[in-house]
PDB file of N, CA and C in Angstrom:
ATOM      1  N   MET A   1       0.827  -1.186   0.000  1.00  0.00           N
ATOM      2  CA  MET A   1       0.000   0.000   0.000  1.00  0.00           C
ATOM      3  C   MET A   1       0.873   1.252   0.000  1.00  0.00           C
ATOM      4  N   ALA A   2       0.330   2.316  -0.511  1.00  0.00           N
ATOM      5  CA  ALA A   2       1.086   3.556  -0.658  1.00  0.00           C
ATOM      6  C   ALA A   2       1.427   4.227   0.664  1.00  0.00           C
ATOM      7  N   HIS A   3       0.647   3.980   1.699  1.00  0.00           N
ATOM      8  CA  HIS A   3       0.842   4.686   2.966  1.00  0.00           C
ATOM      9  C   HIS A   3       1.484   3.833   4.056  1.00  0.00           C
ATOM     10  N   ASP A   4       1.886   2.625   3.733  1.00  0.00           N
ATOM     11  CA  ASP A   4       2.463   1.741   4.756  1.00  0.00           C
ATOM     12  C   ASP A   4       3.790   2.241   5.312  1.00  0.00           C
ATOM     13  N   TRP A   5       4.469   3.102   4.593  1.00  0.00           N
ATOM     14  CA  TRP A   5       5.752   3.624   5.055  1.00  0.00           C
ATOM     15  C   TRP A   5       5.615   4.322   6.401  1.00  0.00           C
ATOM     16  N   ILE A   6       4.462   4.925   6.654  1.00  0.00           N
ATOM     17  CA  ILE A   6       4.279   5.659   7.907  1.00  0.00           C
ATOM     18  C   ILE A   6       4.358   4.716   9.105  1.00  0.00           C
ATOM     19  N   ILE A   7       3.928   3.467   8.938  1.00  0.00           N
ATOM     20  CA  ILE A   7       4.015   2.485  10.023  1.00  0.00           C
ATOM     21  C   ILE A   7       5.483   2.218  10.348  1.00  0.00           C
ATOM     22  N   ASP A   8       6.317   2.121   9.324  1.00  0.00           N
ATOM     23  CA  ASP A   8       7.757   1.921   9.540  1.00  0.00           C
ATOM     24  C   ASP A   8       8.376   3.107  10.278  1.00  0.00           C
ATOM     25  N   VAL A   9       7.977   4.315   9.909  1.00  0.00           N
ATOM     26  CA  VAL A   9       8.492   5.513  10.573  1.00  0.00           C
ATOM     27  C   VAL A   9       8.078   5.526  12.040  1.00  0.00           C
ATOM     28  N   LEU A  10       6.811   5.225  12.311  1.00  0.00           N
ATOM     29  CA  LEU A  10       6.330   5.202  13.697  1.00  0.00           C
ATOM     30  C   LEU A  10       7.043   4.122  14.508  1.00  0.00           C
ATOM     31  N   THR A  11       7.309   2.976  13.890  1.00  0.00           N
ATOM     32  CA  THR A  11       8.050   1.911  14.572  1.00  0.00           C
ATOM     33  C   THR A  11       9.456   2.379  14.928  1.00  0.00           C
ATOM     34  N   ASP A  12      10.115   3.049  14.001  1.00  0.00           N
ATOM     35  CA  ASP A  12      11.456   3.585  14.278  1.00  0.00           C
ATOM     36  C   ASP A  12      11.419   4.608  15.413  1.00  0.00           C
ATOM     37  N   LEU A  13      10.424   5.471  15.403  1.00  0.00           N
ATOM     38  CA  LEU A  13      10.297   6.471  16.466  1.00  0.00           C
ATOM     39  C   LEU A  13      10.055   5.815  17.824  1.00  0.00           C
ATOM     40  N   LYS A  14       9.211   4.770  17.847  1.00  0.00           N
ATOM     41  CA  LYS A  14       8.963   4.048  19.106  1.00  0.00           C
ATOM     42  C   LYS A  14      10.239   3.388  19.612  1.00  0.00           C
ATOM     43  N   THR A  15      10.999   2.780  18.710  1.00  0.00           N
ATOM     44  CA  THR A  15      12.259   2.146  19.100  1.00  0.00           C
ATOM     45  C   THR A  15      13.210   3.172  19.701  1.00  0.00           C
ATOM     46  N   PHE A  16      13.314   4.320  19.066  1.00  0.00           N
ATOM     47  CA  PHE A  16      14.167   5.387  19.588  1.00  0.00           C
ATOM     48  C   PHE A  16      13.682   5.843  20.962  1.00  0.00           C
ATOM     49  N   ALA A  17      12.379   6.055  21.090  1.00  0.00           N
ATOM     50  CA  ALA A  17      11.817   6.530  22.358  1.00  0.00           C
ATOM     51  C   ALA A  17      12.095   5.541  23.484  1.00  0.00           C
ATOM     52  N   ARG A  18      11.857   4.265  23.232  1.00  0.00           N
ATOM     53  CA  ARG A  18      12.092   3.250  24.265  1.00  0.00           C
ATOM     54  C   ARG A  18      13.579   3.141  24.617  1.00  0.00           C
ATOM     55  N   SER A  19      14.432   3.220  23.616  1.00  0.00           N
ATOM     56  CA  SER A  19      15.879   3.098  23.838  1.00  0.00           C
ATOM     57  C   SER A  19      16.457   4.276  24.610  1.00  0.00           C
ATOM     58  N   ASN A  20      15.751   5.399  24.589  1.00  0.00           N
ATOM     59  CA  ASN A  20      16.260   6.606  25.220  1.00  0.00           C
ATOM     60  C   ASN A  20      15.456   7.034  26.443  1.00  0.00           C
ATOM     61  N   GLY A  21      14.635   6.110  26.962  1.00  0.00           N
ATOM     62  CA  GLY A  21      13.925   6.363  28.208  1.00  0.00           C
ATOM     63  C   GLY A  21      12.708   7.256  28.106  1.00  0.00           C
ATOM     64  N   PHE A  22      12.147   7.395  26.914  1.00  0.00           N
ATOM     65  CA  PHE A  22      10.943   8.197  26.732  1.00  0.00           C
ATOM     66  C   PHE A  22       9.716   7.285  26.712  1.00  0.00           C
ATOM     67  N   ALA A  23       9.396   6.717  27.869  1.00  0.00           N
ATOM     68  CA  ALA A  23       8.329   5.718  27.964  1.00  0.00           C
ATOM     69  C   ALA A  23       6.969   6.287  27.578  1.00  0.00           C
ATOM     70  N   SER A  24       6.670   7.480  28.034  1.00  0.00           N
ATOM     71  CA  SER A  24       5.374   8.085  27.719  1.00  0.00           C
ATOM     72  C   SER A  24       5.240   8.337  26.222  1.00  0.00           C
ATOM     73  N   LEU A  25       6.294   8.844  25.617  1.00  0.00           N
ATOM     74  CA  LEU A  25       6.287   9.067  24.173  1.00  0.00           C
ATOM     75  C   LEU A  25       6.081   7.756  23.429  1.00  0.00           C
ATOM     76  N   ALA A  26       6.756   6.702  23.860  1.00  0.00           N
ATOM     77  CA  ALA A  26       6.611   5.392  23.219  1.00  0.00           C
ATOM     78  C   ALA A  26       5.172   4.901  23.305  1.00  0.00           C
ATOM     79  N   GLU A  27       4.520   5.116  24.444  1.00  0.00           N
ATOM     80  CA  GLU A  27       3.121   4.707  24.596  1.00  0.00           C
ATOM     81  C   GLU A  27       2.219   5.501  23.660  1.00  0.00           C
ATOM     82  N   HIS A  28       2.461   6.790  23.547  1.00  0.00           N
ATOM     83  CA  HIS A  28       1.662   7.614  22.633  1.00  0.00           C
ATOM     84  C   HIS A  28       1.888   7.191  21.185  1.00  0.00           C
ATOM     85  N   LEU A  29       3.107   6.821  20.867  1.00  0.00           N
ATOM     86  CA  LEU A  29       3.394   6.356  19.516  1.00  0.00           C
ATOM     87  C   LEU A  29       2.719   5.019  19.230  1.00  0.00           C
ATOM     88  N   ASP A  30       2.556   4.167  20.250  1.00  0.00           N
ATOM     89  CA  ASP A  30       1.776   2.932  20.082  1.00  0.00           C
ATOM     90  C   ASP A  30       0.353   3.274  19.655  1.00  0.00           C
ATOM     91  N   ASP A  31      -0.244   4.233  20.362  1.00  0.00           N
ATOM     92  CA  ASP A  31      -1.606   4.663  20.029  1.00  0.00           C
ATOM     93  C   ASP A  31      -1.659   5.261  18.625  1.00  0.00           C
ATOM     94  N   THR A  32      -0.679   6.076  18.315  1.00  0.00           N
ATOM     95  CA  THR A  32      -0.618   6.714  17.000  1.00  0.00           C
ATOM     96  C   THR A  32      -0.496   5.681  15.894  1.00  0.00           C
ATOM     97  N   GLN A  33       0.308   4.647  16.137  1.00  0.00           N
ATOM     98  CA  GLN A  33       0.468   3.593  15.139  1.00  0.00           C
ATOM     99  C   GLN A  33      -0.849   2.849  14.924  1.00  0.00           C
ATOM    100  N   MET A  34      -1.584   2.609  15.996  1.00  0.00           N
ATOM    101  CA  MET A  34      -2.873   1.932  15.870  1.00  0.00           C
ATOM    102  C   MET A  34      -3.843   2.779  15.039  1.00  0.00           C
ATOM    103  N   VAL A  35      -3.897   4.068  15.309  1.00  0.00           N
ATOM    104  CA  VAL A  35      -4.765   4.964  14.543  1.00  0.00           C
ATOM    105  C   VAL A  35      -4.359   4.944  13.072  1.00  0.00           C
ATOM    106  N   ALA A  36      -3.073   5.011  12.811  1.00  0.00           N
ATOM    107  CA  ALA A  36      -2.590   4.990  11.430  1.00  0.00           C
ATOM    108  C   ALA A  36      -2.983   3.698  10.720  1.00  0.00           C
ATOM    109  N   GLN A  37      -2.840   2.560  11.394  1.00  0.00           N
ATOM    110  CA  GLN A  37      -3.203   1.278  10.783  1.00  0.00           C
ATOM    111  C   GLN A  37      -4.691   1.224  10.467  1.00  0.00           C
ATOM    112  N   ILE A  38      -5.519   1.714  11.374  1.00  0.00           N
ATOM    113  CA  ILE A  38      -6.969   1.716  11.153  1.00  0.00           C
ATOM    114  C   ILE A  38      -7.320   2.610   9.971  1.00  0.00           C
ATOM    115  N   GLU A  39      -6.761   3.803   9.944  1.00  0.00           N
ATOM    116  CA  GLU A  39      -7.099   4.724   8.865  1.00  0.00           C
ATOM    117  C   GLU A  39      -6.549   4.263   7.522  1.00  0.00           C
ATOM    118  N   ILE A  40      -5.374   3.678   7.502  1.00  0.00           N
ATOM    119  CA  ILE A  40      -4.828   3.147   6.246  1.00  0.00           C
ATOM    120  C   ILE A  40      -5.721   2.025   5.726  1.00  0.00           C
ATOM    121  N   ALA A  41      -6.129   1.117   6.611  1.00  0.00           N
ATOM    122  CA  ALA A  41      -7.003   0.014   6.201  1.00  0.00           C
ATOM    123  C   ALA A  41      -8.349   0.537   5.717  1.00  0.00           C
ATOM    124  N   SER A  42      -8.902   1.519   6.409  1.00  0.00           N
ATOM    125  CA  SER A  42     -10.180   2.102   6.011  1.00  0.00           C
ATOM    126  C   SER A  42     -10.063   2.777   4.652  1.00  0.00           C
ATOM    127  N   HIS A  43      -8.994   3.495   4.460  1.00  0.00           N
ATOM    128  CA  HIS A  43      -8.768   4.193   3.198  1.00  0.00           C
ATOM    129  C   HIS A  43      -8.629   3.195   2.056  1.00  0.00           C
ATOM    130  N   ALA A  44      -7.922   2.096   2.297  1.00  0.00           N
ATOM    131  CA  ALA A  44      -7.709   1.078   1.265  1.00  0.00           C
ATOM    132  C   ALA A  44      -9.015   0.420   0.843  1.00  0.00           C
ATOM    133  N   LYS A  45      -9.953   0.330   1.770  1.00  0.00           N
ATOM    134  CA  LYS A  45     -11.250  -0.281   1.470  1.00  0.00           C
ATOM    135  C   LYS A  45     -12.243   0.740   0.933  1.00  0.00           C
ATOM    136  N   GLY A  46     -11.812   1.989   0.780  1.00  0.00           N
ATOM    137  CA  GLY A  46     -12.705   3.023   0.272  1.00  0.00           C
ATOM    138  C   GLY A  46     -13.721   3.480   1.292  1.00  0.00           C
ATOM    139  N   MET A  47     -13.440   3.202   2.534  1.00  0.00           N
ATOM    140  CA  MET A  47     -14.367   3.569   3.600  1.00  0.00           C
ATOM    141  C   MET A  47     -13.928   4.901   4.200  1.00  0.00           C
ATOM    142  N   ALA A  48     -14.897   5.679   4.611  1.00  0.00           N
ATOM    143  CA  ALA A  48     -14.587   6.949   5.268  1.00  0.00           C
ATOM    144  C   ALA A  48     -14.780   6.790   6.759  1.00  0.00           C
ATOM    145  N   CYS A  49     -14.264   5.713   7.279  1.00  0.00           N
ATOM    146  CA  CYS A  49     -14.348   5.541   8.720  1.00  0.00           C
ATOM    147  C   CYS A  49     -12.944   5.322   9.229  1.00  0.00           C
ATOM    148  N   GLY A  50     -12.774   5.652  10.429  1.00  0.00           N
ATOM    149  CA  GLY A  50     -11.475   5.563  11.055  1.00  0.00           C
ATOM    150  C   GLY A  50     -11.582   6.317  12.348  1.00  0.00           C
ATOM    151  N   ILE A  51     -10.507   6.715  12.872  1.00  0.00           N
ATOM    152  CA  ILE A  51     -10.505   7.470  14.109  1.00  0.00           C
ATOM    153  C   ILE A  51     -10.518   8.944  13.747  1.00  0.00           C
ATOM    154  N   GLY A  52     -11.556   9.658  14.178  1.00  0.00           N
ATOM    155  CA  GLY A  52     -11.608  11.095  13.950  1.00  0.00           C
ATOM    156  C   GLY A  52     -11.750  11.485  12.493  1.00  0.00           C
ATOM    157  N   THR A  53     -12.474  10.706  11.719  1.00  0.00           N
ATOM    158  CA  THR A  53     -12.664  11.015  10.310  1.00  0.00           C
ATOM    159  C   THR A  53     -13.373  12.346  10.168  1.00  0.00           C
ATOM    160  N   ASN A  54     -12.913  13.134   9.234  1.00  0.00           N
ATOM    161  CA  ASN A  54     -13.497  14.442   9.021  1.00  0.00           C
ATOM    162  C   ASN A  54     -13.531  14.711   7.526  1.00  0.00           C
ATOM    163  N   ASP A  55     -14.507  14.108   6.836  1.00  0.00           N
ATOM    164  CA  ASP A  55     -14.637  14.376   5.417  1.00  0.00           C
ATOM    165  C   ASP A  55     -16.104  14.352   5.019  1.00  0.00           C
ATOM    166  N   ALA A  56     -16.375  14.650   3.786  1.00  0.00           N
ATOM    167  CA  ALA A  56     -17.748  14.800   3.330  1.00  0.00           C
ATOM    168  C   ALA A  56     -18.544  13.509   3.417  1.00  0.00           C
ATOM    169  N   VAL A  57     -17.903  12.364   3.237  1.00  0.00           N
ATOM    170  CA  VAL A  57     -18.614  11.090   3.272  1.00  0.00           C
ATOM    171  C   VAL A  57     -19.062  10.745   4.686  1.00  0.00           C
ATOM    172  N   ALA A  58     -18.187  10.947   5.645  1.00  0.00           N
ATOM    173  CA  ALA A  58     -18.491  10.563   7.020  1.00  0.00           C
ATOM    174  C   ALA A  58     -19.163  11.674   7.808  1.00  0.00           C
ATOM    175  N   GLY A  59     -19.169  12.883   7.287  1.00  0.00           N
ATOM    176  CA  GLY A  59     -19.722  14.010   8.019  1.00  0.00           C
ATOM    177  C   GLY A  59     -18.621  14.788   8.692  1.00  0.00           C
ATOM    178  N   ARG A  60     -18.974  15.932   9.151  1.00  0.00           N
ATOM    179  CA  ARG A  60     -17.970  16.794   9.775  1.00  0.00           C
ATOM    180  C   ARG A  60     -18.192  16.879  11.267  1.00  0.00           C
ATOM    181  N   HIS A  61     -17.091  16.899  11.999  1.00  0.00           N
ATOM    182  CA  HIS A  61     -17.133  17.112  13.442  1.00  0.00           C
ATOM    183  C   HIS A  61     -17.090  18.614  13.666  1.00  0.00           C
ATOM    184  N   THR A  62     -18.124  19.158  14.288  1.00  0.00           N
ATOM    185  CA  THR A  62     -18.174  20.605  14.448  1.00  0.00           C
ATOM    186  C   THR A  62     -17.875  21.049  15.863  1.00  0.00           C
ATOM    187  N   ALA A  63     -17.802  20.126  16.800  1.00  0.00           N
ATOM    188  CA  ALA A  63     -17.513  20.503  18.187  1.00  0.00           C
ATOM    189  C   ALA A  63     -16.596  19.458  18.805  1.00  0.00           C
ATOM    190  N   ALA A  64     -15.918  19.860  19.828  1.00  0.00           N
ATOM    191  CA  ALA A  64     -15.040  18.931  20.533  1.00  0.00           C
ATOM    192  C   ALA A  64     -15.867  17.890  21.271  1.00  0.00           C
ATOM    193  N   VAL A  65     -15.343  16.707  21.381  1.00  0.00           N
ATOM    194  CA  VAL A  65     -16.019  15.634  22.090  1.00  0.00           C
ATOM    195  C   VAL A  65     -16.144  16.009  23.557  1.00  0.00           C
ATOM    196  N   GLY A  66     -17.322  15.819  24.107  1.00  0.00           N
ATOM    197  CA  GLY A  66     -17.545  16.081  25.523  1.00  0.00           C
ATOM    198  C   GLY A  66     -17.860  17.529  25.844  1.00  0.00           C
ATOM    199  N   MET A  67     -17.879  18.387  24.849  1.00  0.00           N
ATOM    200  CA  MET A  67     -18.178  19.798  25.078  1.00  0.00           C
ATOM    201  C   MET A  67     -19.654  20.051  24.810  1.00  0.00           C
ATOM    202  N   ARG A  68     -20.235  20.913  25.572  1.00  0.00           N
ATOM    203  CA  ARG A  68     -21.639  21.296  25.352  1.00  0.00           C
ATOM    204  C   ARG A  68     -21.748  22.773  25.170  1.00  0.00           C
TER     205      ARG A  68
END
C-alpha cells in the first residue's frame, strides 16, 4: 500500500523513544500507530471511517467531544 511507510516511521520512532527512556512518548506512539493502521485500512477499502474522520462522506465534526 502507498501509505504503509508511515508504520515503519512510527516503529522507528517508538524504538528510539524506548531506547532513550521516553516511555510516555513510546506509549503515545503505540496509540498513534494503531490509529494509522486503522485509517490506512479504512482508506484502502474506500471507507470513510477511522478514528476522527473528518470528510464529506463521514460528516464533519463541528464541536469537541464532551463539550456542550
